[in-house]
């Protein structure tokens, strides 16, 4: 399992649209689901900092994630550019490989 984490600060007044685009069934998940190696996308809202969100995208392996980026680069960049107006900042927290099978349920 390979996990990619991003943190976003959303512009005030854009929270609902951000949640639709980045949340379950949103544009990002729809793009990722075109690849059979994508296993899940989760959106989290910070409980103490208004407008701060975390996305967690899971893939079967690092290689499958990298292959997705190569094959869908144009679509990824286009969607990323369209979403820039929703946020004041975004930060790649990191990309992580699971140790063992215990983390599969995340």
PDB file of N, CA and C in Angstrom:
ATOM      1  N   UNK A   1       0.854  -1.183   0.000  1.00  0.00           N
ATOM      2  CA  UNK A   1       0.000   0.000   0.000  1.00  0.00           C
ATOM      3  C   UNK A   1       0.890   1.232   0.000  1.00  0.00           C
ATOM      4  N   UNK A   2       0.464   2.239  -0.752  1.00  0.00           N
ATOM      5  CA  UNK A   2       1.196   3.496  -0.868  1.00  0.00           C
ATOM      6  C   UNK A   2       0.218   4.628  -0.589  1.00  0.00           C
ATOM      7  N   UNK A   3       0.569   5.520   0.316  1.00  0.00           N
ATOM      8  CA  UNK A   3      -0.319   6.589   0.766  1.00  0.00           C
ATOM      9  C   UNK A   3       0.298   7.943   0.458  1.00  0.00           C
ATOM     10  N   UNK A   4      -0.498   8.832  -0.145  1.00  0.00           N
ATOM     11  CA  UNK A   4      -0.050  10.184  -0.471  1.00  0.00           C
ATOM     12  C   UNK A   4      -0.920  11.167   0.308  1.00  0.00           C
ATOM     13  N   UNK A   5      -0.262  12.048   1.087  1.00  0.00           N
ATOM     14  CA  UNK A   5      -0.980  13.007   1.935  1.00  0.00           C
ATOM     15  C   UNK A   5      -0.720  14.440   1.483  1.00  0.00           C
ATOM     16  N   UNK A   6      -1.808  15.218   1.386  1.00  0.00           N
ATOM     17  CA  UNK A   6      -1.728  16.644   1.060  1.00  0.00           C
ATOM     18  C   UNK A   6      -2.527  17.429   2.082  1.00  0.00           C
ATOM     19  N   UNK A   7      -2.028  18.623   2.430  1.00  0.00           N
ATOM     20  CA  UNK A   7      -2.759  19.544   3.305  1.00  0.00           C
ATOM     21  C   UNK A   7      -3.125  20.780   2.491  1.00  0.00           C
ATOM     22  N   UNK A   8      -4.359  21.248   2.673  1.00  0.00           N
ATOM     23  CA  UNK A   8      -4.869  22.411   1.945  1.00  0.00           C
ATOM     24  C   UNK A   8      -5.424  23.435   2.916  1.00  0.00           C
ATOM     25  N   UNK A   9      -5.169  24.701   2.625  1.00  0.00           N
ATOM     26  CA  UNK A   9      -5.862  25.798   3.299  1.00  0.00           C
ATOM     27  C   UNK A   9      -6.828  26.373   2.273  1.00  0.00           C
ATOM     28  N   UNK A  10      -8.103  26.299   2.594  1.00  0.00           N
ATOM     29  CA  UNK A  10      -9.162  26.679   1.660  1.00  0.00           C
ATOM     30  C   UNK A  10      -9.570  28.128   1.890  1.00  0.00           C
ATOM     31  N   UNK A  11      -9.766  28.843   0.791  1.00  0.00           N
ATOM     32  CA  UNK A  11     -10.205  30.238   0.882  1.00  0.00           C
ATOM     33  C   UNK A  11     -11.576  30.304   1.552  1.00  0.00           C
ATOM     34  N   UNK A  12     -11.766  31.264   2.445  1.00  0.00           N
ATOM     35  CA  UNK A  12     -13.076  31.422   3.088  1.00  0.00           C
ATOM     36  C   UNK A  12     -14.177  31.538   2.030  1.00  0.00           C
ATOM     37  N   UNK A  13     -15.267  30.835   2.269  1.00  0.00           N
ATOM     38  CA  UNK A  13     -16.390  30.847   1.343  1.00  0.00           C
ATOM     39  C   UNK A  13     -16.314  29.786   0.255  1.00  0.00           C
ATOM     40  N   UNK A  14     -15.204  29.082   0.165  1.00  0.00           N
ATOM     41  CA  UNK A  14     -15.032  28.041  -0.852  1.00  0.00           C
ATOM     42  C   UNK A  14     -15.046  26.627  -0.272  1.00  0.00           C
ATOM     43  N   UNK A  15     -15.353  26.504   1.009  1.00  0.00           N
ATOM     44  CA  UNK A  15     -15.277  25.205   1.679  1.00  0.00           C
ATOM     45  C   UNK A  15     -16.217  24.162   1.074  1.00  0.00           C
ATOM     46  N   UNK A  16     -17.459  24.526   0.808  1.00  0.00           N
ATOM     47  CA  UNK A  16     -18.412  23.546   0.270  1.00  0.00           C
ATOM     48  C   UNK A  16     -17.985  23.055  -1.110  1.00  0.00           C
ATOM     49  N   UNK A  17     -17.553  23.963  -1.950  1.00  0.00           N
ATOM     50  CA  UNK A  17     -17.100  23.550  -3.285  1.00  0.00           C
ATOM     51  C   UNK A  17     -15.850  22.677  -3.177  1.00  0.00           C
ATOM     52  N   UNK A  18     -14.917  23.057  -2.299  1.00  0.00           N
ATOM     53  CA  UNK A  18     -13.721  22.259  -2.094  1.00  0.00           C
ATOM     54  C   UNK A  18     -14.102  20.842  -1.672  1.00  0.00           C
ATOM     55  N   UNK A  19     -15.022  20.719  -0.734  1.00  0.00           N
ATOM     56  CA  UNK A  19     -15.444  19.404  -0.252  1.00  0.00           C
ATOM     57  C   UNK A  19     -16.082  18.580  -1.358  1.00  0.00           C
ATOM     58  N   UNK A  20     -16.831  19.215  -2.253  1.00  0.00           N
ATOM     59  CA  UNK A  20     -17.428  18.489  -3.382  1.00  0.00           C
ATOM     60  C   UNK A  20     -16.360  17.997  -4.357  1.00  0.00           C
ATOM     61  N   UNK A  21     -15.365  18.820  -4.633  1.00  0.00           N
ATOM     62  CA  UNK A  21     -14.332  18.483  -5.611  1.00  0.00           C
ATOM     63  C   UNK A  21     -13.340  17.456  -5.064  1.00  0.00           C
ATOM     64  N   UNK A  22     -12.969  17.598  -3.795  1.00  0.00           N
ATOM     65  CA  UNK A  22     -11.940  16.738  -3.200  1.00  0.00           C
ATOM     66  C   UNK A  22     -12.508  15.573  -2.395  1.00  0.00           C
ATOM     67  N   UNK A  23     -13.785  15.615  -2.079  1.00  0.00           N
ATOM     68  CA  UNK A  23     -14.382  14.595  -1.232  1.00  0.00           C
ATOM     69  C   UNK A  23     -14.872  13.374  -1.991  1.00  0.00           C
ATOM     70  N   UNK A  24     -15.594  12.488  -1.295  1.00  0.00           N
ATOM     71  CA  UNK A  24     -16.110  11.260  -1.906  1.00  0.00           C
ATOM     72  C   UNK A  24     -16.959  11.562  -3.140  1.00  0.00           C
ATOM     73  N   UNK A  25     -16.641  10.888  -4.241  1.00  0.00           N
ATOM     74  CA  UNK A  25     -17.374  11.085  -5.484  1.00  0.00           C
ATOM     75  C   UNK A  25     -17.013  12.347  -6.229  1.00  0.00           C
ATOM     76  N   UNK A  26     -16.041  13.102  -5.715  1.00  0.00           N
ATOM     77  CA  UNK A  26     -15.645  14.360  -6.345  1.00  0.00           C
ATOM     78  C   UNK A  26     -14.741  14.163  -7.553  1.00  0.00           C
ATOM     79  N   UNK A  27     -14.334  15.276  -8.110  1.00  0.00           N
ATOM     80  CA  UNK A  27     -13.538  15.265  -9.344  1.00  0.00           C
ATOM     81  C   UNK A  27     -12.215  14.520  -9.195  1.00  0.00           C
ATOM     82  N   UNK A  28     -11.540  14.717  -8.059  1.00  0.00           N
ATOM     83  CA  UNK A  28     -10.257  14.044  -7.871  1.00  0.00           C
ATOM     84  C   UNK A  28     -10.439  12.540  -7.760  1.00  0.00           C
ATOM     85  N   UNK A  29     -11.411  12.117  -6.972  1.00  0.00           N
ATOM     86  CA  UNK A  29     -11.636  10.681  -6.834  1.00  0.00           C
ATOM     87  C   UNK A  29     -12.041  10.068  -8.175  1.00  0.00           C
ATOM     88  N   UNK A  30     -12.836  10.792  -8.947  1.00  0.00           N
ATOM     89  CA  UNK A  30     -13.243  10.283 -10.262  1.00  0.00           C
ATOM     90  C   UNK A  30     -12.029  10.081 -11.174  1.00  0.00           C
ATOM     91  N   UNK A  31     -11.098  11.013 -11.134  1.00  0.00           N
ATOM     92  CA  UNK A  31      -9.879  10.862 -11.933  1.00  0.00           C
ATOM     93  C   UNK A  31      -9.069   9.664 -11.450  1.00  0.00           C
ATOM     94  N   UNK A  32      -8.857   9.562 -10.151  1.00  0.00           N
ATOM     95  CA  UNK A  32      -8.053   8.462  -9.605  1.00  0.00           C
ATOM     96  C   UNK A  32      -8.696   7.103  -9.854  1.00  0.00           C
ATOM     97  N   UNK A  33     -10.019   7.028  -9.773  1.00  0.00           N
ATOM     98  CA  UNK A  33     -10.725   5.747  -9.930  1.00  0.00           C
ATOM     99  C   UNK A  33     -10.611   5.181 -11.347  1.00  0.00           C
ATOM    100  N   UNK A  34     -10.170   5.966 -12.295  1.00  0.00           N
ATOM    101  CA  UNK A  34      -9.942   5.450 -13.647  1.00  0.00           C
ATOM    102  C   UNK A  34      -8.794   4.457 -13.685  1.00  0.00           C
ATOM    103  N   UNK A  35      -8.019   4.445 -12.612  1.00  0.00           N
ATOM    104  CA  UNK A  35      -6.891   3.520 -12.511  1.00  0.00           C
ATOM    105  C   UNK A  35      -7.256   2.409 -11.523  1.00  0.00           C
ATOM    106  N   UNK A  36      -7.166   1.152 -11.938  1.00  0.00           N
ATOM    107  CA  UNK A  36      -7.556   0.053 -11.047  1.00  0.00           C
ATOM    108  C   UNK A  36      -6.651  -0.107  -9.819  1.00  0.00           C
ATOM    109  N   UNK A  37      -5.513   0.563  -9.799  1.00  0.00           N
ATOM    110  CA  UNK A  37      -4.596   0.469  -8.660  1.00  0.00           C
ATOM    111  C   UNK A  37      -4.848   1.508  -7.586  1.00  0.00           C
ATOM    112  N   UNK A  38      -5.788   2.396  -7.826  1.00  0.00           N
ATOM    113  CA  UNK A  38      -6.198   3.355  -6.794  1.00  0.00           C
ATOM    114  C   UNK A  38      -7.145   2.624  -5.856  1.00  0.00           C
ATOM    115  N   UNK A  39      -6.890   2.697  -4.553  1.00  0.00           N
ATOM    116  CA  UNK A  39      -7.728   1.948  -3.615  1.00  0.00           C
ATOM    117  C   UNK A  39      -8.683   2.824  -2.814  1.00  0.00           C
ATOM    118  N   UNK A  40      -8.307   4.084  -2.541  1.00  0.00           N
ATOM    119  CA  UNK A  40      -9.233   4.953  -1.809  1.00  0.00           C
ATOM    120  C   UNK A  40      -8.733   6.397  -1.801  1.00  0.00           C
ATOM    121  N   UNK A  41      -9.692   7.285  -1.600  1.00  0.00           N
ATOM    122  CA  UNK A  41      -9.405   8.695  -1.363  1.00  0.00           C
ATOM    123  C   UNK A  41     -10.253   9.121  -0.173  1.00  0.00           C
ATOM    124  N   UNK A  42      -9.617   9.737   0.807  1.00  0.00           N
ATOM    125  CA  UNK A  42     -10.327  10.226   1.988  1.00  0.00           C
ATOM    126  C   UNK A  42     -10.032  11.716   2.173  1.00  0.00           C
ATOM    127  N   UNK A  43     -11.051  12.455   2.562  1.00  0.00           N
ATOM    128  CA  UNK A  43     -10.911  13.879   2.843  1.00  0.00           C
ATOM    129  C   UNK A  43     -11.210  14.100   4.318  1.00  0.00           C
ATOM    130  N   UNK A  44     -10.326  14.830   4.980  1.00  0.00           N
ATOM    131  CA  UNK A  44     -10.476  15.141   6.406  1.00  0.00           C
ATOM    132  C   UNK A  44     -10.476  16.657   6.597  1.00  0.00           C
ATOM    133  N   UNK A  45     -11.368  17.128   7.464  1.00  0.00           N
ATOM    134  CA  UNK A  45     -11.423  18.546   7.828  1.00  0.00           C
ATOM    135  C   UNK A  45     -10.788  18.674   9.207  1.00  0.00           C
ATOM    136  N   UNK A  46      -9.872  19.625   9.364  1.00  0.00           N
ATOM    137  CA  UNK A  46      -9.212  19.838  10.654  1.00  0.00           C
ATOM    138  C   UNK A  46     -10.257  20.233  11.688  1.00  0.00           C
ATOM    139  N   UNK A  47     -10.221  19.585  12.831  1.00  0.00           N
ATOM    140  CA  UNK A  47     -11.207  19.815  13.886  1.00  0.00           C
ATOM    141  C   UNK A  47     -10.977  21.111  14.647  1.00  0.00           C
ATOM    142  N   UNK A  48      -9.777  21.705  14.529  1.00  0.00           N
ATOM    143  CA  UNK A  48      -9.476  22.907  15.307  1.00  0.00           C
ATOM    144  C   UNK A  48      -9.086  24.116  14.458  1.00  0.00           C
ATOM    145  N   UNK A  49      -8.781  23.902  13.191  1.00  0.00           N
ATOM    146  CA  UNK A  49      -8.371  25.004  12.317  1.00  0.00           C
ATOM    147  C   UNK A  49      -9.352  25.132  11.152  1.00  0.00           C
ATOM    148  N   UNK A  50     -10.214  26.143  11.180  1.00  0.00           N
ATOM    149  CA  UNK A  50     -11.183  26.316  10.093  1.00  0.00           C
ATOM    150  C   UNK A  50     -10.483  26.456   8.737  1.00  0.00           C
ATOM    151  N   UNK A  51     -11.044  25.789   7.743  1.00  0.00           N
ATOM    152  CA  UNK A  51     -10.535  25.906   6.388  1.00  0.00           C
ATOM    153  C   UNK A  51      -9.324  25.053   6.073  1.00  0.00           C
ATOM    154  N   UNK A  52      -8.895  24.208   7.000  1.00  0.00           N
ATOM    155  CA  UNK A  52      -7.735  23.345   6.764  1.00  0.00           C
ATOM    156  C   UNK A  52      -8.217  21.908   6.560  1.00  0.00           C
ATOM    157  N   UNK A  53      -7.740  21.293   5.471  1.00  0.00           N
ATOM    158  CA  UNK A  53      -8.148  19.938   5.094  1.00  0.00           C
ATOM    159  C   UNK A  53      -6.926  19.082   4.786  1.00  0.00           C
ATOM    160  N   UNK A  54      -7.145  17.771   4.863  1.00  0.00           N
ATOM    161  CA  UNK A  54      -6.121  16.798   4.528  1.00  0.00           C
ATOM    162  C   UNK A  54      -6.736  15.785   3.568  1.00  0.00           C
ATOM    163  N   UNK A  55      -6.007  15.461   2.495  1.00  0.00           N
ATOM    164  CA  UNK A  55      -6.430  14.366   1.626  1.00  0.00           C
ATOM    165  C   UNK A  55      -5.454  13.211   1.794  1.00  0.00           C
ATOM    166  N   UNK A  56      -6.010  11.999   1.747  1.00  0.00           N
ATOM    167  CA  UNK A  56      -5.215  10.780   1.844  1.00  0.00           C
ATOM    168  C   UNK A  56      -5.618   9.876   0.683  1.00  0.00           C
ATOM    169  N   UNK A  57      -4.713   9.716  -0.257  1.00  0.00           N
ATOM    170  CA  UNK A  57      -4.969   8.895  -1.441  1.00  0.00           C
ATOM    171  C   UNK A  57      -4.135   7.626  -1.353  1.00  0.00           C
ATOM    172  N   UNK A  58      -4.796   6.484  -1.473  1.00  0.00           N
ATOM    173  CA  UNK A  58      -4.116   5.201  -1.353  1.00  0.00           C
ATOM    174  C   UNK A  58      -4.037   4.501  -2.707  1.00  0.00           C
ATOM    175  N   UNK A  59      -2.894   3.886  -2.932  1.00  0.00           N
ATOM    176  CA  UNK A  59      -2.610   3.150  -4.160  1.00  0.00           C
ATOM    177  C   UNK A  59      -2.039   1.793  -3.780  1.00  0.00           C
ATOM    178  N   UNK A  60      -2.114   0.841  -4.668  1.00  0.00           N
ATOM    179  CA  UNK A  60      -1.603  -0.502  -4.386  1.00  0.00           C
ATOM    180  C   UNK A  60      -0.089  -0.509  -4.171  1.00  0.00           C
ATOM    181  N   UNK A  61       0.616   0.397  -4.865  1.00  0.00           N
ATOM    182  CA  UNK A  61       2.075   0.444  -4.738  1.00  0.00           C
ATOM    183  C   UNK A  61       2.583   1.806  -5.199  1.00  0.00           C
ATOM    184  N   UNK A  62       3.805   2.103  -4.847  1.00  0.00           N
ATOM    185  CA  UNK A  62       4.433   3.341  -5.317  1.00  0.00           C
ATOM    186  C   UNK A  62       4.510   3.347  -6.849  1.00  0.00           C
ATOM    187  N   UNK A  63       4.872   2.204  -7.412  1.00  0.00           N
ATOM    188  CA  UNK A  63       4.985   2.113  -8.870  1.00  0.00           C
ATOM    189  C   UNK A  63       3.644   2.398  -9.546  1.00  0.00           C
ATOM    190  N   UNK A  64       2.559   1.862  -9.001  1.00  0.00           N
ATOM    191  CA  UNK A  64       1.248   2.104  -9.611  1.00  0.00           C
ATOM    192  C   UNK A  64       0.880   3.589  -9.544  1.00  0.00           C
ATOM    193  N   UNK A  65       1.242   4.240  -8.451  1.00  0.00           N
ATOM    194  CA  UNK A  65       1.002   5.682  -8.323  1.00  0.00           C
ATOM    195  C   UNK A  65       1.820   6.454  -9.355  1.00  0.00           C
ATOM    196  N   UNK A  66       3.082   6.108  -9.480  1.00  0.00           N
ATOM    197  CA  UNK A  66       3.956   6.777 -10.461  1.00  0.00           C
ATOM    198  C   UNK A  66       3.492   6.516 -11.887  1.00  0.00           C
ATOM    199  N   UNK A  67       3.053   5.300 -12.179  1.00  0.00           N
ATOM    200  CA  UNK A  67       2.536   4.984 -13.514  1.00  0.00           C
ATOM    201  C   UNK A  67       1.283   5.793 -13.820  1.00  0.00           C
ATOM    202  N   UNK A  68       0.416   5.939 -12.819  1.00  0.00           N
ATOM    203  CA  UNK A  68      -0.785   6.758 -12.991  1.00  0.00           C
ATOM    204  C   UNK A  68      -0.398   8.183 -13.381  1.00  0.00           C
ATOM    205  N   UNK A  69       0.556   8.749 -12.665  1.00  0.00           N
ATOM    206  CA  UNK A  69       0.973  10.118 -12.955  1.00  0.00           C
ATOM    207  C   UNK A  69       1.527  10.267 -14.365  1.00  0.00           C
ATOM    208  N   UNK A  70       2.237   9.299 -14.822  1.00  0.00           N
ATOM    209  CA  UNK A  70       2.772   9.352 -16.185  1.00  0.00           C
ATOM    210  C   UNK A  70       1.656   9.262 -17.214  1.00  0.00           C
ATOM    211  N   UNK A  71       0.726   8.351 -17.001  1.00  0.00           N
ATOM    212  CA  UNK A  71      -0.323   8.113 -18.000  1.00  0.00           C
ATOM    213  C   UNK A  71      -1.428   9.167 -17.977  1.00  0.00           C
ATOM    214  N   UNK A  72      -1.639   9.830 -16.866  1.00  0.00           N
ATOM    215  CA  UNK A  72      -2.728  10.817 -16.727  1.00  0.00           C
ATOM    216  C   UNK A  72      -2.197  12.223 -16.421  1.00  0.00           C
ATOM    217  N   UNK A  73      -0.973  12.490 -16.786  1.00  0.00           N
ATOM    218  CA  UNK A  73      -0.319  13.756 -16.443  1.00  0.00           C
ATOM    219  C   UNK A  73      -1.132  14.974 -16.890  1.00  0.00           C
ATOM    220  N   UNK A  74      -1.593  14.976 -18.122  1.00  0.00           N
ATOM    221  CA  UNK A  74      -2.334  16.125 -18.647  1.00  0.00           C
ATOM    222  C   UNK A  74      -3.635  16.342 -17.889  1.00  0.00           C
ATOM    223  N   UNK A  75      -4.385  15.264 -17.639  1.00  0.00           N
ATOM    224  CA  UNK A  75      -5.640  15.381 -16.905  1.00  0.00           C
ATOM    225  C   UNK A  75      -5.406  15.862 -15.483  1.00  0.00           C
ATOM    226  N   UNK A  76      -4.365  15.318 -14.841  1.00  0.00           N
ATOM    227  CA  UNK A  76      -4.023  15.695 -13.467  1.00  0.00           C
ATOM    228  C   UNK A  76      -3.694  17.190 -13.400  1.00  0.00           C
ATOM    229  N   UNK A  77      -2.837  17.644 -14.300  1.00  0.00           N
ATOM    230  CA  UNK A  77      -2.424  19.052 -14.284  1.00  0.00           C
ATOM    231  C   UNK A  77      -3.579  19.984 -14.598  1.00  0.00           C
ATOM    232  N   UNK A  78      -4.464  19.573 -15.480  1.00  0.00           N
ATOM    233  CA  UNK A  78      -5.625  20.389 -15.822  1.00  0.00           C
ATOM    234  C   UNK A  78      -6.567  20.544 -14.625  1.00  0.00           C
ATOM    235  N   UNK A  79      -6.848  19.443 -13.942  1.00  0.00           N
ATOM    236  CA  UNK A  79      -7.712  19.502 -12.764  1.00  0.00           C
ATOM    237  C   UNK A  79      -7.052  20.296 -11.645  1.00  0.00           C
ATOM    238  N   UNK A  80      -5.764  20.110 -11.458  1.00  0.00           N
ATOM    239  CA  UNK A  80      -5.026  20.853 -10.437  1.00  0.00           C
ATOM    240  C   UNK A  80      -5.121  22.355 -10.692  1.00  0.00           C
ATOM    241  N   UNK A  81      -4.947  22.771 -11.937  1.00  0.00           N
ATOM    242  CA  UNK A  81      -5.033  24.193 -12.286  1.00  0.00           C
ATOM    243  C   UNK A  81      -6.444  24.735 -12.051  1.00  0.00           C
ATOM    244  N   UNK A  82      -7.451  23.947 -12.366  1.00  0.00           N
ATOM    245  CA  UNK A  82      -8.839  24.376 -12.170  1.00  0.00           C
ATOM    246  C   UNK A  82      -9.188  24.538 -10.691  1.00  0.00           C
ATOM    247  N   UNK A  83      -8.478  23.839  -9.818  1.00  0.00           N
ATOM    248  CA  UNK A  83      -8.774  23.871  -8.384  1.00  0.00           C
ATOM    249  C   UNK A  83      -7.976  24.930  -7.620  1.00  0.00           C
ATOM    250  N   UNK A  84      -7.032  25.556  -8.265  1.00  0.00           N
ATOM    251  CA  UNK A  84      -6.184  26.539  -7.576  1.00  0.00           C
ATOM    252  C   UNK A  84      -6.972  27.688  -6.964  1.00  0.00           C
ATOM    253  N   UNK A  85      -8.069  28.054  -7.585  1.00  0.00           N
ATOM    254  CA  UNK A  85      -8.857  29.180  -7.075  1.00  0.00           C
ATOM    255  C   UNK A  85      -9.531  28.879  -5.742  1.00  0.00           C
ATOM    256  N   UNK A  86      -9.565  27.606  -5.338  1.00  0.00           N
ATOM    257  CA  UNK A  86     -10.236  27.225  -4.095  1.00  0.00           C
ATOM    258  C   UNK A  86      -9.353  27.361  -2.861  1.00  0.00           C
ATOM    259  N   UNK A  87      -8.038  27.425  -3.048  1.00  0.00           N
ATOM    260  CA  UNK A  87      -7.134  27.355  -1.908  1.00  0.00           C
ATOM    261  C   UNK A  87      -6.155  28.531  -1.840  1.00  0.00           C
ATOM    262  N   UNK A  88      -5.692  28.784  -0.631  1.00  0.00           N
ATOM    263  CA  UNK A  88      -4.623  29.774  -0.452  1.00  0.00           C
ATOM    264  C   UNK A  88      -3.271  29.086  -0.412  1.00  0.00           C
ATOM    265  N   UNK A  89      -3.267  27.785  -0.053  1.00  0.00           N
ATOM    266  CA  UNK A  89      -2.015  27.024  -0.066  1.00  0.00           C
ATOM    267  C   UNK A  89      -2.311  25.535  -0.111  1.00  0.00           C
ATOM    268  N   UNK A  90      -1.346  24.805  -0.625  1.00  0.00           N
ATOM    269  CA  UNK A  90      -1.397  23.344  -0.572  1.00  0.00           C
ATOM    270  C   UNK A  90       0.017  22.856  -0.322  1.00  0.00           C
ATOM    271  N   UNK A  91       0.105  21.784   0.463  1.00  0.00           N
ATOM    272  CA  UNK A  91       1.420  21.275   0.846  1.00  0.00           C
ATOM    273  C   UNK A  91       1.407  19.765   0.792  1.00  0.00           C
ATOM    274  N   UNK A  92       2.362  19.219   0.048  1.00  0.00           N
ATOM    275  CA  UNK A  92       2.525  17.770   0.019  1.00  0.00           C
ATOM    276  C   UNK A  92       3.182  17.365   1.335  1.00  0.00           C
ATOM    277  N   UNK A  93       2.450  16.695   2.186  1.00  0.00           N
ATOM    278  CA  UNK A  93       2.976  16.279   3.482  1.00  0.00           C
ATOM    279  C   UNK A  93       3.975  15.149   3.306  1.00  0.00           C
ATOM    280  N   UNK A  94       3.635  14.209   2.435  1.00  0.00           N
ATOM    281  CA  UNK A  94       4.551  13.104   2.188  1.00  0.00           C
ATOM    282  C   UNK A  94       3.873  11.953   1.484  1.00  0.00           C
ATOM    283  N   UNK A  95       4.711  10.998   1.072  1.00  0.00           N
ATOM    284  CA  UNK A  95       4.256   9.773   0.421  1.00  0.00           C
ATOM    285  C   UNK A  95       4.846   8.611   1.209  1.00  0.00           C
ATOM    286  N   UNK A  96       4.002   7.661   1.577  1.00  0.00           N
ATOM    287  CA  UNK A  96       4.397   6.631   2.533  1.00  0.00           C
ATOM    288  C   UNK A  96       4.076   5.236   2.020  1.00  0.00           C
ATOM    289  N   UNK A  97       4.982   4.317   2.277  1.00  0.00           N
ATOM    290  CA  UNK A  97       4.781   2.914   1.952  1.00  0.00           C
ATOM    291  C   UNK A  97       4.427   2.173   3.233  1.00  0.00           C
ATOM    292  N   UNK A  98       3.384   1.348   3.181  1.00  0.00           N
ATOM    293  CA  UNK A  98       2.943   0.579   4.345  1.00  0.00           C
ATOM    294  C   UNK A  98       3.960  -0.511   4.661  1.00  0.00           C
ATOM    295  N   UNK A  99       4.105  -0.765   5.930  1.00  0.00           N
ATOM    296  CA  UNK A  99       4.941  -1.861   6.417  1.00  0.00           C
ATOM    297  C   UNK A  99       3.993  -2.994   6.797  1.00  0.00           C
ATOM    298  N   UNK A 100       3.991  -4.055   6.046  1.00  0.00           N
ATOM    299  CA  UNK A 100       3.102  -5.167   6.308  1.00  0.00           C
ATOM    300  C   UNK A 100       1.684  -4.899   5.798  1.00  0.00           C
ATOM    301  N   UNK A 101       0.792  -5.828   6.059  1.00  0.00           N
ATOM    302  CA  UNK A 101      -0.575  -5.740   5.549  1.00  0.00           C
ATOM    303  C   UNK A 101      -1.549  -5.130   6.544  1.00  0.00           C
ATOM    304  N   UNK A 102      -1.118  -4.788   7.739  1.00  0.00           N
ATOM    305  CA  UNK A 102      -2.029  -4.317   8.781  1.00  0.00           C
ATOM    306  C   UNK A 102      -2.679  -2.984   8.445  1.00  0.00           C
ATOM    307  N   UNK A 103      -2.082  -2.192   7.590  1.00  0.00           N
ATOM    308  CA  UNK A 103      -2.587  -0.858   7.295  1.00  0.00           C
ATOM    309  C   UNK A 103      -3.583  -0.828   6.143  1.00  0.00           C
ATOM    310  N   UNK A 104      -3.890  -1.938   5.551  1.00  0.00           N
ATOM    311  CA  UNK A 104      -4.748  -1.985   4.375  1.00  0.00           C
ATOM    312  C   UNK A 104      -6.102  -1.354   4.633  1.00  0.00           C
ATOM    313  N   UNK A 105      -6.642  -1.438   5.826  1.00  0.00           N
ATOM    314  CA  UNK A 105      -7.970  -0.920   6.128  1.00  0.00           C
ATOM    315  C   UNK A 105      -8.063   0.582   6.272  1.00  0.00           C
ATOM    316  N   UNK A 106      -6.974   1.323   6.150  1.00  0.00           N
ATOM    317  CA  UNK A 106      -7.039   2.775   6.308  1.00  0.00           C
ATOM    318  C   UNK A 106      -7.883   3.416   5.247  1.00  0.00           C
TER     319      UNK A 106
END
